[in-house]
Amino acid sequence: MLAFLGNLGFTELLVIALICLLLFGARKLPELAHSMGSSVQAFKKGMREGSEEAPKADAKPKADSPNGHH
């Protein structure tokens, strides 16, 4: 998903961090980081719940078609 992050070096990450600091300010960064963390956590929870429900949906018997043909 974030494979491109492997190509970023320390200098690039530092420049990105400085740009974020300039754009959002020092007071907003912790709030933004917390919000991002909460979003990622909710996304992962949804993915886990979705993968747990998928086998249950596959296990349901298929109903016959109304005209009797399969």
Protein backbone atom coordinates (compact mmCIF):
# COMPACT_ATOMS: atom_id res chain seq x y z
CA MET A 1 0.00 0.00 0.00
CA LEU A 2 2.68 2.49 0.98
CA ALA A 3 5.52 0.90 -0.96
CA PHE A 4 6.74 4.29 -2.17
CA LEU A 5 7.77 5.16 1.41
CA GLY A 6 10.60 2.64 1.14
CA ASN A 7 12.19 4.84 -1.53
CA LEU A 8 12.27 7.94 0.69
CA GLY A 9 15.48 8.70 2.52
CA PHE A 10 15.99 10.58 5.76
CA THR A 11 16.48 13.89 3.96
CA GLU A 12 13.21 13.56 2.04
CA LEU A 13 11.30 12.65 5.21
CA LEU A 14 12.85 15.61 7.01
CA VAL A 15 11.79 17.98 4.23
CA ILE A 16 8.24 16.59 4.32
CA ALA A 17 8.13 17.01 8.10
CA LEU A 18 9.31 20.62 7.83
CA ILE A 19 6.71 21.41 5.17
CA CYS A 20 3.99 19.94 7.40
CA LEU A 21 5.28 22.00 10.30
CA LEU A 22 5.12 25.16 8.21
CA LEU A 23 1.67 24.39 6.82
CA PHE A 24 -0.08 23.31 10.00
CA GLY A 25 1.98 24.79 12.82
CA ALA A 26 3.46 23.10 15.86
CA ARG A 27 0.20 23.17 17.83
CA LYS A 28 -1.85 21.37 15.18
CA LEU A 29 0.61 18.56 14.36
CA PRO A 30 -0.08 16.39 17.45
CA GLU A 31 -3.82 16.78 16.86
CA LEU A 32 -3.43 15.78 13.20
CA ALA A 33 -1.24 12.81 14.11
CA HIS A 34 -3.83 11.61 16.64
CA SER A 35 -6.59 11.97 14.06
CA MET A 36 -4.60 10.02 11.48
CA GLY A 37 -3.87 7.27 14.02
CA SER A 38 -7.54 7.00 14.90
CA SER A 39 -8.47 6.81 11.23
CA VAL A 40 -5.94 4.05 10.54
CA GLN A 41 -7.12 2.12 13.60
CA ALA A 42 -10.77 2.36 12.49
CA PHE A 43 -9.82 1.27 8.96
CA LYS A 44 -7.93 -1.78 10.25
CA LYS A 45 -10.86 -2.70 12.51
CA GLY A 46 -13.22 -2.49 9.55
CA MET A 47 -10.92 -4.66 7.46
CA ARG A 48 -10.74 -7.29 10.23
CA GLU A 49 -14.52 -7.32 10.65
CA GLY A 50 -14.99 -7.58 6.90
CA SER A 51 -12.60 -10.52 6.63
CA GLU A 52 -14.34 -12.28 9.52
CA GLU A 53 -17.74 -11.87 7.85
CA ALA A 54 -16.56 -13.07 4.44
CA PRO A 55 -16.28 -16.78 5.40
CA LYS A 56 -19.73 -16.59 7.03
CA ALA A 57 -21.23 -15.23 3.82
CA ASP A 58 -19.58 -18.00 1.79
CA ALA A 59 -20.93 -20.69 4.13
CA LYS A 60 -24.59 -19.73 3.56
CA PRO A 61 -26.46 -22.22 1.37
CA LYS A 62 -27.49 -20.91 -2.00
CA ALA A 63 -31.22 -20.60 -2.52
CA ASP A 64 -32.80 -22.22 -5.55
CA SER A 65 -33.73 -19.90 -8.35
CA PRO A 66 -37.44 -19.08 -8.62
CA ASN A 67 -37.85 -20.92 -11.93
CA GLY A 68 -36.24 -24.12 -10.59
CA HIS A 69 -33.15 -24.00 -12.84
CA HIS A 70 -29.62 -23.82 -11.45
